[in-house]
Amino acid sequence: MPDPLLNIADIDERIAILKENLRELVEQSASYSGAADDDLMSRRIAEQEAEVELLTKRRDELSQTRS
């Protein structure tokens, strides 16, 4: 769960890190083979995407309250 005290700059930084992690996970998943590896990578990618979505919503909420 994202920290509610984060500011927009902190959230943007975390989003950038997560997107880089996602890029690396996608590259890794392309090189792995096997159902177990695919399932693990799919879960990790889904977790990272969910966190990006939560942080993006939080950033948008903060932006609206400051407008």
PDB file of N, CA and C in Angstrom:
ATOM      1  N   MET A   1       0.854  -1.179   0.000  1.00  0.00           N
ATOM      2  CA  MET A   1       0.000   0.000   0.000  1.00  0.00           C
ATOM      3  C   MET A   1       0.894   1.234   0.000  1.00  0.00           C
ATOM      4  N   PRO A   2       0.634   2.179  -0.907  1.00  0.00           N
ATOM      5  CA  PRO A   2       1.468   3.368  -0.963  1.00  0.00           C
ATOM      6  C   PRO A   2       1.337   4.219   0.294  1.00  0.00           C
ATOM      7  N   ASP A   3       2.408   4.865   0.660  1.00  0.00           N
ATOM      8  CA  ASP A   3       2.432   5.757   1.817  1.00  0.00           C
ATOM      9  C   ASP A   3       1.634   7.021   1.492  1.00  0.00           C
ATOM     10  N   PRO A   4       0.609   7.344   2.277  1.00  0.00           N
ATOM     11  CA  PRO A   4      -0.216   8.509   1.966  1.00  0.00           C
ATOM     12  C   PRO A   4       0.518   9.835   2.120  1.00  0.00           C
ATOM     13  N   LEU A   5       1.675   9.822   2.738  1.00  0.00           N
ATOM     14  CA  LEU A   5       2.417  11.063   2.953  1.00  0.00           C
ATOM     15  C   LEU A   5       3.397  11.385   1.826  1.00  0.00           C
ATOM     16  N   LEU A   6       3.456  10.545   0.819  1.00  0.00           N
ATOM     17  CA  LEU A   6       4.364  10.811  -0.284  1.00  0.00           C
ATOM     18  C   LEU A   6       3.925  12.053  -1.050  1.00  0.00           C
ATOM     19  N   ASN A   7       4.895  12.796  -1.534  1.00  0.00           N
ATOM     20  CA  ASN A   7       4.532  13.932  -2.371  1.00  0.00           C
ATOM     21  C   ASN A   7       4.612  13.507  -3.837  1.00  0.00           C
ATOM     22  N   ILE A   8       4.179  14.380  -4.716  1.00  0.00           N
ATOM     23  CA  ILE A   8       4.099  14.036  -6.129  1.00  0.00           C
ATOM     24  C   ILE A   8       5.467  13.667  -6.696  1.00  0.00           C
ATOM     25  N   ALA A   9       6.509  14.371  -6.320  1.00  0.00           N
ATOM     26  CA  ALA A   9       7.849  14.068  -6.825  1.00  0.00           C
ATOM     27  C   ALA A   9       8.298  12.668  -6.393  1.00  0.00           C
ATOM     28  N   ASP A  10       8.020  12.313  -5.137  1.00  0.00           N
ATOM     29  CA  ASP A  10       8.357  10.975  -4.650  1.00  0.00           C
ATOM     30  C   ASP A  10       7.590   9.902  -5.416  1.00  0.00           C
ATOM     31  N   ILE A  11       6.315  10.172  -5.656  1.00  0.00           N
ATOM     32  CA  ILE A  11       5.485   9.215  -6.385  1.00  0.00           C
ATOM     33  C   ILE A  11       6.001   9.057  -7.812  1.00  0.00           C
ATOM     34  N   ASP A  12       6.331  10.171  -8.472  1.00  0.00           N
ATOM     35  CA  ASP A  12       6.864  10.101  -9.834  1.00  0.00           C
ATOM     36  C   ASP A  12       8.153   9.279  -9.885  1.00  0.00           C
ATOM     37  N   GLU A  13       8.999   9.459  -8.877  1.00  0.00           N
ATOM     38  CA  GLU A  13      10.247   8.700  -8.823  1.00  0.00           C
ATOM     39  C   GLU A  13       9.968   7.206  -8.657  1.00  0.00           C
ATOM     40  N   ARG A  14       9.042   6.857  -7.778  1.00  0.00           N
ATOM     41  CA  ARG A  14       8.698   5.446  -7.575  1.00  0.00           C
ATOM     42  C   ARG A  14       8.068   4.839  -8.820  1.00  0.00           C
ATOM     43  N   ILE A  15       7.230   5.619  -9.511  1.00  0.00           N
ATOM     44  CA  ILE A  15       6.627   5.136 -10.750  1.00  0.00           C
ATOM     45  C   ILE A  15       7.710   4.860 -11.783  1.00  0.00           C
ATOM     46  N   ALA A  16       8.674   5.752 -11.909  1.00  0.00           N
ATOM     47  CA  ALA A  16       9.765   5.555 -12.868  1.00  0.00           C
ATOM     48  C   ALA A  16      10.557   4.282 -12.548  1.00  0.00           C
ATOM     49  N   ILE A  17      10.817   4.053 -11.275  1.00  0.00           N
ATOM     50  CA  ILE A  17      11.542   2.845 -10.860  1.00  0.00           C
ATOM     51  C   ILE A  17      10.727   1.595 -11.190  1.00  0.00           C
ATOM     52  N   LEU A  18       9.443   1.631 -10.902  1.00  0.00           N
ATOM     53  CA  LEU A  18       8.583   0.486 -11.198  1.00  0.00           C
ATOM     54  C   LEU A  18       8.509   0.208 -12.691  1.00  0.00           C
ATOM     55  N   LYS A  19       8.429   1.256 -13.494  1.00  0.00           N
ATOM     56  CA  LYS A  19       8.379   1.061 -14.945  1.00  0.00           C
ATOM     57  C   LYS A  19       9.681   0.453 -15.462  1.00  0.00           C
ATOM     58  N   GLU A  20      10.794   0.858 -14.896  1.00  0.00           N
ATOM     59  CA  GLU A  20      12.074   0.250 -15.268  1.00  0.00           C
ATOM     60  C   GLU A  20      12.090  -1.218 -14.859  1.00  0.00           C
ATOM     61  N   ASN A  21      11.596  -1.512 -13.662  1.00  0.00           N
ATOM     62  CA  ASN A  21      11.496  -2.907 -13.220  1.00  0.00           C
ATOM     63  C   ASN A  21      10.630  -3.716 -14.174  1.00  0.00           C
ATOM     64  N   LEU A  22       9.518  -3.140 -14.598  1.00  0.00           N
ATOM     65  CA  LEU A  22       8.636  -3.830 -15.535  1.00  0.00           C
ATOM     66  C   LEU A  22       9.347  -4.120 -16.851  1.00  0.00           C
ATOM     67  N   ARG A  23      10.081  -3.141 -17.348  1.00  0.00           N
ATOM     68  CA  ARG A  23      10.824  -3.345 -18.601  1.00  0.00           C
ATOM     69  C   ARG A  23      11.793  -4.513 -18.460  1.00  0.00           C
ATOM     70  N   GLU A  24      12.506  -4.547 -17.335  1.00  0.00           N
ATOM     71  CA  GLU A  24      13.455  -5.629 -17.096  1.00  0.00           C
ATOM     72  C   GLU A  24      12.752  -6.976 -16.945  1.00  0.00           C
ATOM     73  N   LEU A  25      11.611  -6.999 -16.264  1.00  0.00           N
ATOM     74  CA  LEU A  25      10.862  -8.249 -16.108  1.00  0.00           C
ATOM     75  C   LEU A  25      10.378  -8.779 -17.452  1.00  0.00           C
ATOM     76  N   VAL A  26       9.925  -7.884 -18.308  1.00  0.00           N
ATOM     77  CA  VAL A  26       9.464  -8.317 -19.632  1.00  0.00           C
ATOM     78  C   VAL A  26      10.634  -8.890 -20.427  1.00  0.00           C
ATOM     79  N   GLU A  27      11.782  -8.245 -20.355  1.00  0.00           N
ATOM     80  CA  GLU A  27      12.968  -8.769 -21.044  1.00  0.00           C
ATOM     81  C   GLU A  27      13.355 -10.141 -20.494  1.00  0.00           C
ATOM     82  N   GLN A  28      13.325 -10.283 -19.172  1.00  0.00           N
ATOM     83  CA  GLN A  28      13.665 -11.565 -18.556  1.00  0.00           C
ATOM     84  C   GLN A  28      12.674 -12.645 -18.949  1.00  0.00           C
ATOM     85  N   SER A  29      11.395 -12.298 -18.987  1.00  0.00           N
ATOM     86  CA  SER A  29      10.385 -13.305 -19.300  1.00  0.00           C
ATOM     87  C   SER A  29      10.549 -13.814 -20.721  1.00  0.00           C
ATOM     88  N   ALA A  30      11.055 -12.984 -21.596  1.00  0.00           N
ATOM     89  CA  ALA A  30      11.280 -13.416 -22.976  1.00  0.00           C
ATOM     90  C   ALA A  30      12.395 -14.451 -23.060  1.00  0.00           C
ATOM     91  N   SER A  31      13.314 -14.413 -22.103  1.00  0.00           N
ATOM     92  CA  SER A  31      14.431 -15.348 -22.148  1.00  0.00           C
ATOM     93  C   SER A  31      14.178 -16.625 -21.350  1.00  0.00           C
ATOM     94  N   TYR A  32      13.165 -16.629 -20.502  1.00  0.00           N
ATOM     95  CA  TYR A  32      12.840 -17.806 -19.702  1.00  0.00           C
ATOM     96  C   TYR A  32      11.920 -18.731 -20.475  1.00  0.00           C
ATOM     97  N   SER A  33      11.953 -19.986 -20.095  1.00  0.00           N
ATOM     98  CA  SER A  33      11.007 -20.931 -20.696  1.00  0.00           C
ATOM     99  C   SER A  33      10.458 -21.825 -19.605  1.00  0.00           C
ATOM    100  N   GLY A  34       9.278 -22.350 -19.831  1.00  0.00           N
ATOM    101  CA  GLY A  34       8.666 -23.237 -18.859  1.00  0.00           C
ATOM    102  C   GLY A  34       7.495 -22.585 -18.169  1.00  0.00           C
ATOM    103  N   ALA A  35       6.510 -23.391 -17.839  1.00  0.00           N
ATOM    104  CA  ALA A  35       5.278 -22.883 -17.240  1.00  0.00           C
ATOM    105  C   ALA A  35       5.515 -22.236 -15.883  1.00  0.00           C
ATOM    106  N   ALA A  36       6.357 -22.830 -15.063  1.00  0.00           N
ATOM    107  CA  ALA A  36       6.611 -22.274 -13.724  1.00  0.00           C
ATOM    108  C   ALA A  36       7.247 -20.888 -13.835  1.00  0.00           C
ATOM    109  N   ASP A  37       8.212 -20.746 -14.744  1.00  0.00           N
ATOM    110  CA  ASP A  37       8.852 -19.453 -14.948  1.00  0.00           C
ATOM    111  C   ASP A  37       7.850 -18.431 -15.478  1.00  0.00           C
ATOM    112  N   ASP A  38       6.999 -18.860 -16.408  1.00  0.00           N
ATOM    113  CA  ASP A  38       5.991 -17.956 -16.968  1.00  0.00           C
ATOM    114  C   ASP A  38       5.023 -17.478 -15.894  1.00  0.00           C
ATOM    115  N   ASP A  39       4.591 -18.385 -15.042  1.00  0.00           N
ATOM    116  CA  ASP A  39       3.668 -18.010 -13.969  1.00  0.00           C
ATOM    117  C   ASP A  39       4.309 -17.023 -13.007  1.00  0.00           C
ATOM    118  N   LEU A  40       5.552 -17.291 -12.620  1.00  0.00           N
ATOM    119  CA  LEU A  40       6.257 -16.398 -11.705  1.00  0.00           C
ATOM    120  C   LEU A  40       6.416 -15.016 -12.318  1.00  0.00           C
ATOM    121  N   MET A  41       6.856 -14.956 -13.560  1.00  0.00           N
ATOM    122  CA  MET A  41       7.040 -13.662 -14.220  1.00  0.00           C
ATOM    123  C   MET A  41       5.709 -12.933 -14.377  1.00  0.00           C
ATOM    124  N   SER A  42       4.675 -13.666 -14.724  1.00  0.00           N
ATOM    125  CA  SER A  42       3.349 -13.044 -14.874  1.00  0.00           C
ATOM    126  C   SER A  42       2.889 -12.429 -13.560  1.00  0.00           C
ATOM    127  N   ARG A  43       3.100 -13.131 -12.460  1.00  0.00           N
ATOM    128  CA  ARG A  43       2.722 -12.599 -11.144  1.00  0.00           C
ATOM    129  C   ARG A  43       3.541 -11.365 -10.801  1.00  0.00           C
ATOM    130  N   ARG A  44       4.838 -11.437 -11.040  1.00  0.00           N
ATOM    131  CA  ARG A  44       5.693 -10.289 -10.710  1.00  0.00           C
ATOM    132  C   ARG A  44       5.314  -9.072 -11.547  1.00  0.00           C
ATOM    133  N   ILE A  45       5.046  -9.293 -12.833  1.00  0.00           N
ATOM    134  CA  ILE A  45       4.649  -8.188 -13.702  1.00  0.00           C
ATOM    135  C   ILE A  45       3.315  -7.609 -13.243  1.00  0.00           C
ATOM    136  N   ALA A  46       2.361  -8.460 -12.922  1.00  0.00           N
ATOM    137  CA  ALA A  46       1.047  -7.994 -12.460  1.00  0.00           C
ATOM    138  C   ALA A  46       1.176  -7.183 -11.172  1.00  0.00           C
ATOM    139  N   GLU A  47       2.030  -7.624 -10.250  1.00  0.00           N
ATOM    140  CA  GLU A  47       2.237  -6.895  -9.000  1.00  0.00           C
ATOM    141  C   GLU A  47       2.815  -5.507  -9.271  1.00  0.00           C
ATOM    142  N   GLN A  48       3.808  -5.431 -10.149  1.00  0.00           N
ATOM    143  CA  GLN A  48       4.425  -4.151 -10.469  1.00  0.00           C
ATOM    144  C   GLN A  48       3.423  -3.230 -11.162  1.00  0.00           C
ATOM    145  N   GLU A  49       2.634  -3.771 -12.095  1.00  0.00           N
ATOM    146  CA  GLU A  49       1.634  -2.969 -12.785  1.00  0.00           C
ATOM    147  C   GLU A  49       0.583  -2.442 -11.810  1.00  0.00           C
ATOM    148  N   ALA A  50       0.166  -3.269 -10.864  1.00  0.00           N
ATOM    149  CA  ALA A  50      -0.816  -2.838  -9.864  1.00  0.00           C
ATOM    150  C   ALA A  50      -0.260  -1.705  -9.017  1.00  0.00           C
ATOM    151  N   GLU A  51       1.002  -1.802  -8.652  1.00  0.00           N
ATOM    152  CA  GLU A  51       1.603  -0.737  -7.843  1.00  0.00           C
ATOM    153  C   GLU A  51       1.720   0.557  -8.634  1.00  0.00           C
ATOM    154  N   VAL A  52       2.073   0.460  -9.922  1.00  0.00           N
ATOM    155  CA  VAL A  52       2.119   1.654 -10.766  1.00  0.00           C
ATOM    156  C   VAL A  52       0.734   2.297 -10.825  1.00  0.00           C
ATOM    157  N   GLU A  53      -0.293   1.478 -10.989  1.00  0.00           N
ATOM    158  CA  GLU A  53      -1.657   1.998 -11.063  1.00  0.00           C
ATOM    159  C   GLU A  53      -2.048   2.705  -9.765  1.00  0.00           C
ATOM    160  N   LEU A  54      -1.746   2.092  -8.618  1.00  0.00           N
ATOM    161  CA  LEU A  54      -2.064   2.713  -7.337  1.00  0.00           C
ATOM    162  C   LEU A  54      -1.332   4.040  -7.156  1.00  0.00           C
ATOM    163  N   LEU A  55      -0.062   4.056  -7.495  1.00  0.00           N
ATOM    164  CA  LEU A  55       0.717   5.286  -7.345  1.00  0.00           C
ATOM    165  C   LEU A  55       0.238   6.367  -8.306  1.00  0.00           C
ATOM    166  N   THR A  56      -0.137   5.978  -9.512  1.00  0.00           N
ATOM    167  CA  THR A  56      -0.648   6.950 -10.474  1.00  0.00           C
ATOM    168  C   THR A  56      -1.944   7.572  -9.973  1.00  0.00           C
ATOM    169  N   LYS A  57      -2.831   6.759  -9.417  1.00  0.00           N
ATOM    170  CA  LYS A  57      -4.075   7.284  -8.847  1.00  0.00           C
ATOM    171  C   LYS A  57      -3.783   8.229  -7.687  1.00  0.00           C
ATOM    172  N   ARG A  58      -2.840   7.838  -6.829  1.00  0.00           N
ATOM    173  CA  ARG A  58      -2.481   8.677  -5.680  1.00  0.00           C
ATOM    174  C   ARG A  58      -1.909  10.013  -6.148  1.00  0.00           C
ATOM    175  N   ARG A  59      -1.047   9.960  -7.169  1.00  0.00           N
ATOM    176  CA  ARG A  59      -0.461  11.184  -7.719  1.00  0.00           C
ATOM    177  C   ARG A  59      -1.550  12.089  -8.282  1.00  0.00           C
ATOM    178  N   ASP A  60      -2.500  11.483  -9.009  1.00  0.00           N
ATOM    179  CA  ASP A  60      -3.596  12.267  -9.583  1.00  0.00           C
ATOM    180  C   ASP A  60      -4.448  12.908  -8.486  1.00  0.00           C
ATOM    181  N   GLU A  61      -4.697  12.174  -7.410  1.00  0.00           N
ATOM    182  CA  GLU A  61      -5.460  12.717  -6.283  1.00  0.00           C
ATOM    183  C   GLU A  61      -4.732  13.903  -5.664  1.00  0.00           C
ATOM    184  N   LEU A  62      -3.429  13.745  -5.480  1.00  0.00           N
ATOM    185  CA  LEU A  62      -2.644  14.842  -4.907  1.00  0.00           C
ATOM    186  C   LEU A  62      -2.632  16.058  -5.834  1.00  0.00           C
ATOM    187  N   SER A  63      -2.541  15.820  -7.119  1.00  0.00           N
ATOM    188  CA  SER A  63      -2.535  16.913  -8.083  1.00  0.00           C
ATOM    189  C   SER A  63      -3.847  17.678  -8.046  1.00  0.00           C
ATOM    190  N   GLN A  64      -4.961  16.961  -7.920  1.00  0.00           N
ATOM    191  CA  GLN A  64      -6.271  17.599  -7.884  1.00  0.00           C
ATOM    192  C   GLN A  64      -6.464  18.420  -6.619  1.00  0.00           C
ATOM    193  N   THR A  65      -5.962  17.934  -5.497  1.00  0.00           N
ATOM    194  CA  THR A  65      -6.135  18.667  -4.249  1.00  0.00           C
ATOM    195  C   THR A  65      -5.267  19.924  -4.210  1.00  0.00           C
ATOM    196  N   ARG A  66      -4.203  19.944  -4.989  1.00  0.00           N
ATOM    197  CA  ARG A  66      -3.311  21.113  -5.011  1.00  0.00           C
ATOM    198  C   ARG A  66      -3.712  22.116  -6.070  1.00  0.00           C
ATOM    199  N   SER A  67      -4.649  21.761  -6.931  1.00  0.00           N
ATOM    200  CA  SER A  67      -5.079  22.670  -8.003  1.00  0.00           C
ATOM    201  C   SER A  67      -6.044  23.711  -7.493  1.00  0.00           C
TER     202      SER A  67
END
